[in-house]
Amino acid sequence: NFLLNEQPDRAIEAFVDAVRVDPQTVELHFALGSLFRRRGETERAIRMHQGLIEREDLPQDIKLQAMVELGQDFLKAGLLDRAEEIFERLRASALAEEAKRNLLEIYQQEKDWEKAIAIAAELPDIATQKDIAEYYCELAAAELIRSRPEQARQHLQTALEKNRKCVRASLLQGDMEMQEGRHADAIACWQRIEQQDPTYLALVANRLLEAFRKMDRRDEGLQLLRGYLGHYPSLDLLDVVFELVLEADGGEAAYELVRDELKRNPTLLGLDRLIQARSLTAPPETRVDLDLAKSIVQGYTRRLARYRCDNCGFKARQFYWRCPACGGWETYPPRRSEEFDQTL
């Protein structure tokens, strides 16, 4: 009745009273502990599940389930070391697989990628080769921060062996080649992304341009990027090509580029670029109207200029290799939400 009357706090107190009246109702303890955890009252959930574990009259399978719940309480509370201890104890029990799943999540949160790789090998139905390749990319990124390129190369090679379509490995390999002055090799690494997943070409567009510039082959780089834009429409890629054409050929050429792309792929974000391009060549008396139109369009495009997870729909202005909401790897393509909506 309290729940129906939208009085959840009083409903919980009634629940607690019911547990006290009949302490043998174990299912009620589990339900109440789960409710506390969902509400963020992890201390109460922990006390509830610890009480079940300490009772002498409960069978072993109930105590094991209570340990799982307690580990999840610690995980929810951010007490990762205590959660890890609980699930490590459960690895030799009948609930070993569930314990390993939780350990994998803990290792990912702790960024302990070597342990994540080891536990993932025991969970082939849960941790995919794509996930494991990402763990190796994380190891490689950490080695690069420590200025240990050889170890980073080994991790990236292993990542590609685990998943030959690992875009992040190709991107990092290109970055390493670029840092060491091997511009042609860097370009080859980044061009590989077209075969792996062309959606991610927008991430390396500026990198490709910089490499071609270092080799005094800017026109060749522009031709390559325009070809990518023609085959794989992308607002982020359009931005890069737009700036390059504007620099190389002037405002009129940039306007024609955006106009043609807008005809082929109509978006508000593209319209914003079109107005910007036209204002560059418009007479002063017309720019006032164009600036007004641009400000109106930008009012709508701010909410569209975001990335969105393919798995859970979480949106953010920043690109992530792992979705902050659902934890999926490579579910966050560098594609704006407006583009995402057009593909549905």
C-alpha atoms as a PDB file:
ATOM      1  CA  ASN A   1       0.000   0.000   0.000  1.00  0.00           C
ATOM      2  CA  PHE A   2       2.821   2.405   0.792  1.00  0.00           C
ATOM      3  CA  LEU A   3       4.373   1.720  -2.610  1.00  0.00           C
ATOM      4  CA  LEU A   4       1.057   2.298  -4.354  1.00  0.00           C
ATOM      5  CA  ASN A   5       0.745   5.578  -2.503  1.00  0.00           C
ATOM      6  CA  GLU A   6       4.297   6.554  -3.572  1.00  0.00           C
ATOM      7  CA  GLN A   7       5.692   6.393  -0.056  1.00  0.00           C
ATOM      8  CA  PRO A   8       8.821   4.283  -0.626  1.00  0.00           C
ATOM      9  CA  ASP A   9      10.524   5.186   2.666  1.00  0.00           C
ATOM     10  CA  ARG A  10       7.558   4.021   4.737  1.00  0.00           C
ATOM     11  CA  ALA A  11       7.335   0.914   2.537  1.00  0.00           C
ATOM     12  CA  ILE A  12      10.950   0.062   3.372  1.00  0.00           C
ATOM     13  CA  GLU A  13      10.315   0.505   7.096  1.00  0.00           C
ATOM     14  CA  ALA A  14       7.346  -1.837   6.832  1.00  0.00           C
ATOM     15  CA  PHE A  15       9.583  -4.287   4.996  1.00  0.00           C
ATOM     16  CA  VAL A  16      12.176  -4.113   7.780  1.00  0.00           C
ATOM     17  CA  ASP A  17       9.479  -4.791  10.381  1.00  0.00           C
ATOM     18  CA  ALA A  18       8.344  -7.824   8.424  1.00  0.00           C
ATOM     19  CA  VAL A  19      11.876  -9.226   8.423  1.00  0.00           C
ATOM     20  CA  ARG A  20      12.123  -8.739  12.169  1.00  0.00           C
ATOM     21  CA  VAL A  21       8.827 -10.531  12.741  1.00  0.00           C
ATOM     22  CA  ASP A  22       9.994 -13.614  10.848  1.00  0.00           C
ATOM     23  CA  PRO A  23      13.808 -13.788  10.589  1.00  0.00           C
ATOM     24  CA  GLN A  24      13.601 -17.097   8.707  1.00  0.00           C
ATOM     25  CA  THR A  25      12.285 -15.440   5.550  1.00  0.00           C
ATOM     26  CA  VAL A  26      15.607 -15.400   3.696  1.00  0.00           C
ATOM     27  CA  GLU A  27      14.075 -14.343   0.382  1.00  0.00           C
ATOM     28  CA  LEU A  28      12.792 -11.218   2.095  1.00  0.00           C
ATOM     29  CA  HIS A  29      16.321 -10.419   3.302  1.00  0.00           C
ATOM     30  CA  PHE A  30      17.641 -10.699  -0.246  1.00  0.00           C
ATOM     31  CA  ALA A  31      14.842  -8.543  -1.631  1.00  0.00           C
ATOM     32  CA  LEU A  32      15.393  -5.893   1.004  1.00  0.00           C
ATOM     33  CA  GLY A  33      19.175  -5.878   0.537  1.00  0.00           C
ATOM     34  CA  SER A  34      18.767  -5.508  -3.220  1.00  0.00           C
ATOM     35  CA  LEU A  35      16.340  -2.636  -2.672  1.00  0.00           C
ATOM     36  CA  PHE A  36      18.804  -0.859  -0.390  1.00  0.00           C
ATOM     37  CA  ARG A  37      21.576  -1.247  -2.961  1.00  0.00           C
ATOM     38  CA  ARG A  38      19.450   0.127  -5.800  1.00  0.00           C
ATOM     39  CA  ARG A  39      18.538   3.133  -3.641  1.00  0.00           C
ATOM     40  CA  GLY A  40      22.215   3.798  -2.924  1.00  0.00           C
ATOM     41  CA  GLU A  41      21.923   2.797   0.753  1.00  0.00           C
ATOM     42  CA  THR A  42      24.872   0.459   0.490  1.00  0.00           C
ATOM     43  CA  GLU A  43      25.669   0.441   4.221  1.00  0.00           C
ATOM     44  CA  ARG A  44      22.250  -0.991   5.033  1.00  0.00           C
ATOM     45  CA  ALA A  45      22.566  -3.518   2.198  1.00  0.00           C
ATOM     46  CA  ILE A  46      25.992  -4.600   3.488  1.00  0.00           C
ATOM     47  CA  ARG A  47      24.661  -5.104   7.014  1.00  0.00           C
ATOM     48  CA  MET A  48      21.731  -7.112   5.673  1.00  0.00           C
ATOM     49  CA  HIS A  49      23.904  -9.496   3.634  1.00  0.00           C
ATOM     50  CA  GLN A  50      26.608  -9.811   6.301  1.00  0.00           C
ATOM     51  CA  GLY A  51      23.883 -10.843   8.720  1.00  0.00           C
ATOM     52  CA  LEU A  52      22.848 -13.667   6.406  1.00  0.00           C
ATOM     53  CA  ILE A  53      26.430 -14.910   6.015  1.00  0.00           C
ATOM     54  CA  GLU A  54      26.956 -14.995   9.799  1.00  0.00           C
ATOM     55  CA  ARG A  55      23.849 -17.030  10.566  1.00  0.00           C
ATOM     56  CA  GLU A  56      24.619 -20.624  11.507  1.00  0.00           C
ATOM     57  CA  ASP A  57      21.234 -22.051  10.533  1.00  0.00           C
ATOM     58  CA  LEU A  58      21.428 -21.265   6.796  1.00  0.00           C
ATOM     59  CA  PRO A  59      22.507 -23.818   4.170  1.00  0.00           C
ATOM     60  CA  GLN A  60      25.750 -23.255   2.265  1.00  0.00           C
ATOM     61  CA  ASP A  61      24.108 -22.335  -1.057  1.00  0.00           C
ATOM     62  CA  ILE A  62      22.200 -19.484   0.622  1.00  0.00           C
ATOM     63  CA  LYS A  63      25.405 -18.203   2.223  1.00  0.00           C
ATOM     64  CA  LEU A  64      27.174 -18.285  -1.132  1.00  0.00           C
ATOM     65  CA  GLN A  65      24.386 -16.234  -2.691  1.00  0.00           C
ATOM     66  CA  ALA A  66      24.627 -13.803   0.215  1.00  0.00           C
ATOM     67  CA  MET A  67      28.366 -13.469  -0.478  1.00  0.00           C
ATOM     68  CA  VAL A  68      27.623 -12.608  -4.105  1.00  0.00           C
ATOM     69  CA  GLU A  69      25.174  -9.945  -2.974  1.00  0.00           C
ATOM     70  CA  LEU A  70      27.703  -8.610  -0.458  1.00  0.00           C
ATOM     71  CA  GLY A  71      30.366  -8.384  -3.161  1.00  0.00           C
ATOM     72  CA  GLN A  72      27.977  -6.407  -5.346  1.00  0.00           C
ATOM     73  CA  ASP A  73      27.246  -4.112  -2.385  1.00  0.00           C
ATOM     74  CA  PHE A  74      30.965  -3.386  -2.038  1.00  0.00           C
ATOM     75  CA  LEU A  75      31.240  -2.868  -5.785  1.00  0.00           C
ATOM     76  CA  LYS A  76      28.352  -0.415  -5.760  1.00  0.00           C
ATOM     77  CA  ALA A  77      29.939   1.424  -2.822  1.00  0.00           C
ATOM     78  CA  GLY A  78      33.255   1.726  -4.672  1.00  0.00           C
ATOM     79  CA  LEU A  79      35.062  -0.552  -2.208  1.00  0.00           C
ATOM     80  CA  LEU A  80      36.783  -2.450  -4.983  1.00  0.00           C
ATOM     81  CA  ASP A  81      39.415  -4.159  -2.835  1.00  0.00           C
ATOM     82  CA  ARG A  82      36.776  -5.656  -0.526  1.00  0.00           C
ATOM     83  CA  ALA A  83      34.603  -6.662  -3.467  1.00  0.00           C
ATOM     84  CA  GLU A  84      37.609  -8.333  -5.120  1.00  0.00           C
ATOM     85  CA  GLU A  85      38.338 -10.265  -1.934  1.00  0.00           C
ATOM     86  CA  ILE A  86      34.760 -11.583  -1.795  1.00  0.00           C
ATOM     87  CA  PHE A  87      34.679 -12.686  -5.433  1.00  0.00           C
ATOM     88  CA  GLU A  88      38.141 -14.270  -5.233  1.00  0.00           C
ATOM     89  CA  ARG A  89      36.816 -16.462  -2.408  1.00  0.00           C
ATOM     90  CA  LEU A  90      33.868 -17.450  -4.621  1.00  0.00           C
ATOM     91  CA  ARG A  91      36.022 -18.535  -7.589  1.00  0.00           C
ATOM     92  CA  ALA A  92      36.280 -22.062  -6.165  1.00  0.00           C
ATOM     93  CA  SER A  93      32.536 -22.317  -5.454  1.00  0.00           C
ATOM     94  CA  ALA A  94      29.473 -23.276  -7.450  1.00  0.00           C
ATOM     95  CA  LEU A  95      29.053 -19.584  -8.288  1.00  0.00           C
ATOM     96  CA  ALA A  96      32.489 -19.323  -9.892  1.00  0.00           C
ATOM     97  CA  GLU A  97      31.298 -17.934 -13.227  1.00  0.00           C
ATOM     98  CA  GLU A  98      29.327 -15.131 -11.606  1.00  0.00           C
ATOM     99  CA  ALA A  99      32.332 -14.352  -9.424  1.00  0.00           C
ATOM    100  CA  LYS A 100      34.588 -14.149 -12.481  1.00  0.00           C
ATOM    101  CA  ARG A 101      32.180 -11.797 -14.251  1.00  0.00           C
ATOM    102  CA  ASN A 102      32.279  -9.446 -11.307  1.00  0.00           C
ATOM    103  CA  LEU A 103      36.070  -9.725 -11.048  1.00  0.00           C
ATOM    104  CA  LEU A 104      36.356  -8.752 -14.700  1.00  0.00           C
ATOM    105  CA  GLU A 105      34.344  -5.612 -14.026  1.00  0.00           C
ATOM    106  CA  ILE A 106      36.499  -4.812 -10.980  1.00  0.00           C
ATOM    107  CA  TYR A 107      39.745  -5.208 -12.934  1.00  0.00           C
ATOM    108  CA  GLN A 108      38.431  -2.929 -15.667  1.00  0.00           C
ATOM    109  CA  GLN A 109      37.477  -0.269 -13.127  1.00  0.00           C
ATOM    110  CA  GLU A 110      40.889  -0.615 -11.466  1.00  0.00           C
ATOM    111  CA  LYS A 111      42.575  -0.555 -14.902  1.00  0.00           C
ATOM    112  CA  ASP A 112      44.428  -3.729 -13.985  1.00  0.00           C
ATOM    113  CA  TRP A 113      44.510  -4.918 -17.572  1.00  0.00           C
ATOM    114  CA  GLU A 114      46.802  -7.903 -17.084  1.00  0.00           C
ATOM    115  CA  LYS A 115      44.380  -9.401 -14.558  1.00  0.00           C
ATOM    116  CA  ALA A 116      41.496  -8.500 -16.871  1.00  0.00           C
ATOM    117  CA  ILE A 117      43.169 -10.409 -19.714  1.00  0.00           C
ATOM    118  CA  ALA A 118      43.740 -13.438 -17.482  1.00  0.00           C
ATOM    119  CA  ILE A 119      40.147 -13.578 -16.203  1.00  0.00           C
ATOM    120  CA  ALA A 120      38.715 -12.865 -19.678  1.00  0.00           C
ATOM    121  CA  ALA A 121      40.399 -16.030 -20.965  1.00  0.00           C
ATOM    122  CA  GLU A 122      38.204 -17.958 -18.525  1.00  0.00           C
ATOM    123  CA  LEU A 123      35.032 -16.257 -19.772  1.00  0.00           C
ATOM    124  CA  PRO A 124      34.951 -16.832 -23.559  1.00  0.00           C
ATOM    125  CA  ASP A 125      31.167 -16.426 -23.693  1.00  0.00           C
ATOM    126  CA  ILE A 126      31.292 -13.022 -21.988  1.00  0.00           C
ATOM    127  CA  ALA A 127      34.620 -11.354 -22.832  1.00  0.00           C
ATOM    128  CA  THR A 128      35.007 -11.238 -26.622  1.00  0.00           C
ATOM    129  CA  GLN A 129      38.246 -11.087 -28.573  1.00  0.00           C
ATOM    130  CA  LYS A 130      37.397  -7.445 -29.305  1.00  0.00           C
ATOM    131  CA  ASP A 131      37.334  -6.725 -25.573  1.00  0.00           C
ATOM    132  CA  ILE A 132      40.638  -8.499 -24.994  1.00  0.00           C
ATOM    133  CA  ALA A 133      42.227  -6.547 -27.851  1.00  0.00           C
ATOM    134  CA  GLU A 134      41.132  -3.348 -26.116  1.00  0.00           C
ATOM    135  CA  TYR A 135      42.815  -4.499 -22.894  1.00  0.00           C
ATOM    136  CA  TYR A 136      46.075  -4.876 -24.808  1.00  0.00           C
ATOM    137  CA  CYS A 137      45.582  -1.401 -26.292  1.00  0.00           C
ATOM    138  CA  GLU A 138      45.198  -0.054 -22.755  1.00  0.00           C
ATOM    139  CA  LEU A 139      48.464  -1.758 -21.805  1.00  0.00           C
ATOM    140  CA  ALA A 140      50.134  -0.254 -24.875  1.00  0.00           C
ATOM    141  CA  ALA A 141      48.874   3.241 -24.038  1.00  0.00           C
ATOM    142  CA  ALA A 142      50.276   2.882 -20.518  1.00  0.00           C
ATOM    143  CA  GLU A 143      53.667   1.784 -21.889  1.00  0.00           C
ATOM    144  CA  LEU A 144      53.746   4.791 -24.214  1.00  0.00           C
ATOM    145  CA  ILE A 145      53.203   7.087 -21.235  1.00  0.00           C
ATOM    146  CA  ARG A 146      56.214   5.409 -19.588  1.00  0.00           C
ATOM    147  CA  SER A 147      58.275   5.923 -22.781  1.00  0.00           C
ATOM    148  CA  ARG A 148      58.604   2.187 -23.423  1.00  0.00           C
ATOM    149  CA  PRO A 149      57.790   1.885 -27.143  1.00  0.00           C
ATOM    150  CA  GLU A 150      59.008  -1.674 -27.663  1.00  0.00           C
ATOM    151  CA  GLN A 151      56.651  -3.066 -25.018  1.00  0.00           C
ATOM    152  CA  ALA A 152      53.867  -0.942 -26.496  1.00  0.00           C
ATOM    153  CA  ARG A 153      54.527  -2.406 -29.961  1.00  0.00           C
ATOM    154  CA  GLN A 154      54.272  -5.927 -28.606  1.00  0.00           C
ATOM    155  CA  HIS A 155      50.932  -5.194 -26.942  1.00  0.00           C
ATOM    156  CA  LEU A 156      49.560  -3.604 -30.118  1.00  0.00           C
ATOM    157  CA  GLN A 157      50.658  -6.550 -32.219  1.00  0.00           C
ATOM    158  CA  THR A 158      48.922  -8.907 -29.797  1.00  0.00           C
ATOM    159  CA  ALA A 159      45.802  -6.730 -29.948  1.00  0.00           C
ATOM    160  CA  LEU A 160      45.690  -7.121 -33.738  1.00  0.00           C
ATOM    161  CA  GLU A 161      46.225 -10.860 -33.403  1.00  0.00           C
ATOM    162  CA  LYS A 162      43.231 -11.023 -31.066  1.00  0.00           C
ATOM    163  CA  ASN A 163      41.126  -8.787 -33.300  1.00  0.00           C
ATOM    164  CA  ARG A 164      42.441  -7.894 -36.750  1.00  0.00           C
ATOM    165  CA  LYS A 165      39.766  -5.162 -36.957  1.00  0.00           C
ATOM    166  CA  CYS A 166      40.991  -3.373 -33.846  1.00  0.00           C
ATOM    167  CA  VAL A 167      40.909   0.255 -34.977  1.00  0.00           C
ATOM    168  CA  ARG A 168      42.527   1.541 -31.820  1.00  0.00           C
ATOM    169  CA  ALA A 169      45.622  -0.630 -32.338  1.00  0.00           C
ATOM    170  CA  SER A 170      46.091   0.736 -35.862  1.00  0.00           C
ATOM    171  CA  LEU A 171      45.605   4.286 -34.610  1.00  0.00           C
ATOM    172  CA  LEU A 172      48.205   3.874 -31.850  1.00  0.00           C
ATOM    173  CA  GLN A 173      50.655   2.172 -34.202  1.00  0.00           C
ATOM    174  CA  GLY A 174      50.343   5.128 -36.545  1.00  0.00           C
ATOM    175  CA  ASP A 175      50.928   7.540 -33.681  1.00  0.00           C
ATOM    176  CA  MET A 176      54.133   5.698 -32.767  1.00  0.00           C
ATOM    177  CA  GLU A 177      55.409   5.729 -36.341  1.00  0.00           C
ATOM    178  CA  MET A 178      54.631   9.427 -36.581  1.00  0.00           C
ATOM    179  CA  GLN A 179      56.505  10.229 -33.354  1.00  0.00           C
ATOM    180  CA  GLU A 180      59.551   8.409 -34.680  1.00  0.00           C
ATOM    181  CA  GLY A 181      59.497  10.305 -37.979  1.00  0.00           C
ATOM    182  CA  ARG A 182      58.284   7.460 -40.203  1.00  0.00           C
ATOM    183  CA  HIS A 183      55.471   9.412 -41.808  1.00  0.00           C
ATOM    184  CA  ALA A 184      54.769   7.006 -44.666  1.00  0.00           C
ATOM    185  CA  ASP A 185      54.491   4.088 -42.244  1.00  0.00           C
ATOM    186  CA  ALA A 186      52.149   6.130 -40.063  1.00  0.00           C
ATOM    187  CA  ILE A 187      49.921   6.843 -43.059  1.00  0.00           C
ATOM    188  CA  ALA A 188      49.848   3.123 -43.914  1.00  0.00           C
ATOM    189  CA  CYS A 189      48.724   2.276 -40.372  1.00  0.00           C
ATOM    190  CA  TRP A 190      45.948   4.861 -40.408  1.00  0.00           C
ATOM    191  CA  GLN A 191      44.798   3.897 -43.917  1.00  0.00           C
ATOM    192  CA  ARG A 192      44.298   0.359 -42.611  1.00  0.00           C
ATOM    193  CA  ILE A 193      41.334   1.689 -40.638  1.00  0.00           C
ATOM    194  CA  GLU A 194      39.317   1.952 -43.842  1.00  0.00           C
ATOM    195  CA  GLN A 195      39.263  -1.854 -44.016  1.00  0.00           C
ATOM    196  CA  GLN A 196      38.697  -2.287 -40.286  1.00  0.00           C
ATOM    197  CA  ASP A 197      35.838   0.182 -39.752  1.00  0.00           C
ATOM    198  CA  PRO A 198      35.617   3.295 -41.945  1.00  0.00           C
ATOM    199  CA  THR A 199      33.397   5.028 -39.371  1.00  0.00           C
ATOM    200  CA  TYR A 200      36.574   5.745 -37.402  1.00  0.00           C
ATOM    201  CA  LEU A 201      38.382   7.504 -40.255  1.00  0.00           C
ATOM    202  CA  ALA A 202      37.271  10.837 -38.788  1.00  0.00           C
ATOM    203  CA  LEU A 203      39.550  10.153 -35.807  1.00  0.00           C
ATOM    204  CA  VAL A 204      42.658  10.031 -37.988  1.00  0.00           C
ATOM    205  CA  ALA A 205      41.780  12.677 -40.575  1.00  0.00           C
ATOM    206  CA  ASN A 206      43.893  15.391 -38.933  1.00  0.00           C
ATOM    207  CA  ARG A 207      46.678  12.893 -38.289  1.00  0.00           C
ATOM    208  CA  LEU A 208      46.739  11.899 -41.967  1.00  0.00           C
ATOM    209  CA  LEU A 209      46.791  15.519 -43.034  1.00  0.00           C
ATOM    210  CA  GLU A 210      49.708  16.322 -40.724  1.00  0.00           C
ATOM    211  CA  ALA A 211      51.697  13.321 -42.014  1.00  0.00           C
ATOM    212  CA  PHE A 212      51.172  14.336 -45.644  1.00  0.00           C
ATOM    213  CA  ARG A 213      52.207  17.875 -44.794  1.00  0.00           C
ATOM    214  CA  LYS A 214      55.407  16.627 -43.181  1.00  0.00           C
ATOM    215  CA  MET A 215      56.184  14.897 -46.476  1.00  0.00           C
ATOM    216  CA  ASP A 216      55.261  17.989 -48.571  1.00  0.00           C
ATOM    217  CA  ARG A 217      52.378  16.044 -50.126  1.00  0.00           C
ATOM    218  CA  ARG A 218      49.438  18.097 -48.878  1.00  0.00           C
ATOM    219  CA  ASP A 219      47.512  17.877 -52.180  1.00  0.00           C
ATOM    220  CA  GLU A 220      47.722  14.088 -52.074  1.00  0.00           C
ATOM    221  CA  GLY A 221      46.409  14.149 -48.506  1.00  0.00           C
ATOM    222  CA  LEU A 222      43.528  16.401 -49.508  1.00  0.00           C
ATOM    223  CA  GLN A 223      42.624  14.086 -52.367  1.00  0.00           C
ATOM    224  CA  LEU A 224      42.648  11.079 -50.035  1.00  0.00           C
ATOM    225  CA  LEU A 225      40.440  12.785 -47.445  1.00  0.00           C
ATOM    226  CA  ARG A 226      37.983  14.004 -50.070  1.00  0.00           C
ATOM    227  CA  GLY A 227      37.759  10.449 -51.321  1.00  0.00           C
ATOM    228  CA  TYR A 228      37.016   9.212 -47.807  1.00  0.00           C
ATOM    229  CA  LEU A 229      34.334  11.876 -47.417  1.00  0.00           C
ATOM    230  CA  GLY A 230      32.755  10.809 -50.706  1.00  0.00           C
ATOM    231  CA  HIS A 231      32.578   7.157 -49.711  1.00  0.00           C
ATOM    232  CA  TYR A 232      31.976   7.487 -45.961  1.00  0.00           C
ATOM    233  CA  PRO A 233      29.964  10.647 -45.158  1.00  0.00           C
ATOM    234  CA  SER A 234      30.850  12.027 -41.732  1.00  0.00           C
ATOM    235  CA  LEU A 235      30.313  15.420 -40.122  1.00  0.00           C
ATOM    236  CA  ASP A 236      33.652  15.256 -38.327  1.00  0.00           C
ATOM    237  CA  LEU A 237      35.410  14.317 -41.565  1.00  0.00           C
ATOM    238  CA  LEU A 238      33.596  17.131 -43.347  1.00  0.00           C
ATOM    239  CA  ASP A 239      34.959  19.597 -40.779  1.00  0.00           C
ATOM    240  CA  VAL A 240      38.541  18.531 -41.497  1.00  0.00           C
ATOM    241  CA  VAL A 241      38.147  18.616 -45.288  1.00  0.00           C
ATOM    242  CA  PHE A 242      36.311  21.936 -45.077  1.00  0.00           C
ATOM    243  CA  GLU A 243      39.171  23.612 -43.214  1.00  0.00           C
ATOM    244  CA  LEU A 244      41.712  22.116 -45.600  1.00  0.00           C
ATOM    245  CA  VAL A 245      39.847  23.236 -48.735  1.00  0.00           C
ATOM    246  CA  LEU A 246      39.332  26.676 -47.200  1.00  0.00           C
ATOM    247  CA  GLU A 247      43.070  26.967 -46.579  1.00  0.00           C
ATOM    248  CA  ALA A 248      44.106  25.617 -49.971  1.00  0.00           C
ATOM    249  CA  ASP A 249      41.463  26.932 -52.374  1.00  0.00           C
ATOM    250  CA  GLY A 250      39.565  29.694 -50.575  1.00  0.00           C
ATOM    251  CA  GLY A 251      36.042  30.364 -49.348  1.00  0.00           C
ATOM    252  CA  GLU A 252      34.184  29.712 -52.615  1.00  0.00           C
ATOM    253  CA  ALA A 253      35.643  26.235 -53.012  1.00  0.00           C
ATOM    254  CA  ALA A 254      34.862  25.470 -49.361  1.00  0.00           C
ATOM    255  CA  TYR A 255      31.288  26.645 -49.894  1.00  0.00           C
ATOM    256  CA  GLU A 256      30.855  24.383 -52.935  1.00  0.00           C
ATOM    257  CA  LEU A 257      32.245  21.444 -50.979  1.00  0.00           C
ATOM    258  CA  VAL A 258      29.777  21.906 -48.121  1.00  0.00           C
ATOM    259  CA  ARG A 259      26.867  22.597 -50.471  1.00  0.00           C
ATOM    260  CA  ASP A 260      27.452  19.383 -52.423  1.00  0.00           C
ATOM    261  CA  GLU A 261      27.831  17.397 -49.218  1.00  0.00           C
ATOM    262  CA  LEU A 262      24.654  18.918 -47.788  1.00  0.00           C
ATOM    263  CA  LYS A 263      22.703  17.889 -50.891  1.00  0.00           C
ATOM    264  CA  ARG A 264      23.965  14.345 -50.496  1.00  0.00           C
ATOM    265  CA  ASN A 265      23.716  14.164 -46.707  1.00  0.00           C
ATOM    266  CA  PRO A 266      21.294  16.835 -45.361  1.00  0.00           C
ATOM    267  CA  THR A 267      21.914  17.659 -41.688  1.00  0.00           C
ATOM    268  CA  LEU A 268      21.533  20.709 -39.474  1.00  0.00           C
ATOM    269  CA  LEU A 269      25.204  20.461 -38.550  1.00  0.00           C
ATOM    270  CA  GLY A 270      26.045  20.522 -42.247  1.00  0.00           C
ATOM    271  CA  LEU A 271      23.783  23.535 -42.728  1.00  0.00           C
ATOM    272  CA  ASP A 272      25.697  25.315 -39.971  1.00  0.00           C
ATOM    273  CA  ARG A 273      28.911  24.752 -41.924  1.00  0.00           C
ATOM    274  CA  LEU A 274      27.241  25.952 -45.145  1.00  0.00           C
ATOM    275  CA  ILE A 275      26.222  29.244 -43.536  1.00  0.00           C
ATOM    276  CA  GLN A 276      29.754  29.675 -42.193  1.00  0.00           C
ATOM    277  CA  ALA A 277      31.228  29.033 -45.634  1.00  0.00           C
ATOM    278  CA  ARG A 278      28.873  31.486 -47.334  1.00  0.00           C
ATOM    279  CA  SER A 279      29.571  34.225 -44.778  1.00  0.00           C
ATOM    280  CA  LEU A 280      33.259  34.080 -45.701  1.00  0.00           C
ATOM    281  CA  THR A 281      32.569  35.319 -49.235  1.00  0.00           C
ATOM    282  CA  ALA A 282      29.361  37.312 -48.687  1.00  0.00           C
ATOM    283  CA  PRO A 283      29.317  41.126 -48.815  1.00  0.00           C
ATOM    284  CA  PRO A 284      29.294  42.919 -45.447  1.00  0.00           C
ATOM    285  CA  GLU A 285      25.590  43.846 -45.626  1.00  0.00           C
ATOM    286  CA  THR A 286      24.639  40.166 -46.063  1.00  0.00           C
ATOM    287  CA  ARG A 287      26.851  38.813 -43.293  1.00  0.00           C
ATOM    288  CA  VAL A 288      24.580  40.262 -40.608  1.00  0.00           C
ATOM    289  CA  ASP A 289      21.684  38.100 -41.828  1.00  0.00           C
ATOM    290  CA  LEU A 290      23.945  35.081 -42.206  1.00  0.00           C
ATOM    291  CA  ASP A 291      25.267  35.496 -38.672  1.00  0.00           C
ATOM    292  CA  LEU A 292      21.682  35.640 -37.401  1.00  0.00           C
ATOM    293  CA  ALA A 293      20.783  32.465 -39.295  1.00  0.00           C
ATOM    294  CA  LYS A 294      23.917  30.773 -37.995  1.00  0.00           C
ATOM    295  CA  SER A 295      23.104  31.640 -34.368  1.00  0.00           C
ATOM    296  CA  ILE A 296      19.583  30.221 -34.773  1.00  0.00           C
ATOM    297  CA  VAL A 297      20.844  27.000 -36.342  1.00  0.00           C
ATOM    298  CA  GLN A 298      23.515  26.593 -33.668  1.00  0.00           C
ATOM    299  CA  GLY A 299      20.810  26.779 -31.018  1.00  0.00           C
ATOM    300  CA  TYR A 300      19.457  23.510 -32.428  1.00  0.00           C
ATOM    301  CA  THR A 301      22.756  21.872 -33.303  1.00  0.00           C
ATOM    302  CA  ARG A 302      24.288  22.052 -29.813  1.00  0.00           C
ATOM    303  CA  ARG A 303      22.254  19.046 -28.697  1.00  0.00           C
ATOM    304  CA  LEU A 304      23.012  17.197 -31.950  1.00  0.00           C
ATOM    305  CA  ALA A 305      26.790  17.623 -31.853  1.00  0.00           C
ATOM    306  CA  ARG A 306      27.237  14.671 -29.527  1.00  0.00           C
ATOM    307  CA  TYR A 307      28.427  11.098 -29.797  1.00  0.00           C
ATOM    308  CA  ARG A 308      26.103   8.275 -28.845  1.00  0.00           C
ATOM    309  CA  CYS A 309      26.692   4.705 -27.718  1.00  0.00           C
ATOM    310  CA  ASP A 310      25.250   2.150 -30.137  1.00  0.00           C
ATOM    311  CA  ASN A 311      24.578  -0.188 -27.235  1.00  0.00           C
ATOM    312  CA  CYS A 312      22.815   1.903 -24.577  1.00  0.00           C
ATOM    313  CA  GLY A 313      22.247   5.297 -26.217  1.00  0.00           C
ATOM    314  CA  PHE A 314      24.394   7.276 -23.751  1.00  0.00           C
ATOM    315  CA  LYS A 315      25.362  10.658 -25.226  1.00  0.00           C
ATOM    316  CA  ALA A 316      28.384  12.850 -24.597  1.00  0.00           C
ATOM    317  CA  ARG A 317      30.416  15.505 -26.373  1.00  0.00           C
ATOM    318  CA  GLN A 318      33.619  13.545 -25.815  1.00  0.00           C
ATOM    319  CA  PHE A 319      34.573  10.362 -27.677  1.00  0.00           C
ATOM    320  CA  TYR A 320      35.187   7.230 -25.591  1.00  0.00           C
ATOM    321  CA  TRP A 321      36.643   3.855 -26.500  1.00  0.00           C
ATOM    322  CA  ARG A 322      34.601   2.382 -23.650  1.00  0.00           C
ATOM    323  CA  CYS A 323      31.117   3.689 -22.961  1.00  0.00           C
ATOM    324  CA  PRO A 324      30.978   5.284 -19.478  1.00  0.00           C
ATOM    325  CA  ALA A 325      27.384   4.118 -19.028  1.00  0.00           C
ATOM    326  CA  CYS A 326      27.197   0.470 -20.145  1.00  0.00           C
ATOM    327  CA  GLY A 327      30.915  -0.390 -20.245  1.00  0.00           C
ATOM    328  CA  GLY A 328      30.825  -1.629 -23.852  1.00  0.00           C
ATOM    329  CA  TRP A 329      34.038  -1.446 -25.871  1.00  0.00           C
ATOM    330  CA  GLU A 330      33.967   0.264 -29.287  1.00  0.00           C
ATOM    331  CA  THR A 331      30.225   0.878 -28.940  1.00  0.00           C
ATOM    332  CA  TYR A 332      30.829   4.628 -29.083  1.00  0.00           C
ATOM    333  CA  PRO A 333      31.534   5.363 -32.772  1.00  0.00           C
ATOM    334  CA  PRO A 334      32.768   8.840 -33.740  1.00  0.00           C
ATOM    335  CA  ARG A 335      29.426   9.669 -35.286  1.00  0.00           C
ATOM    336  CA  ARG A 336      27.245  12.548 -34.150  1.00  0.00           C
ATOM    337  CA  SER A 337      23.800  11.796 -32.773  1.00  0.00           C
ATOM    338  CA  GLU A 338      22.152  13.473 -35.764  1.00  0.00           C
ATOM    339  CA  GLU A 339      23.938  11.047 -38.093  1.00  0.00           C
ATOM    340  CA  PHE A 340      22.975   8.159 -35.805  1.00  0.00           C
ATOM    341  CA  ASP A 341      19.288   9.127 -36.063  1.00  0.00           C
ATOM    342  CA  GLN A 342      19.491   9.178 -39.847  1.00  0.00           C
ATOM    343  CA  THR A 343      20.606   5.529 -39.917  1.00  0.00           C
ATOM    344  CA  LEU A 344      17.685   4.283 -37.795  1.00  0.00           C
END
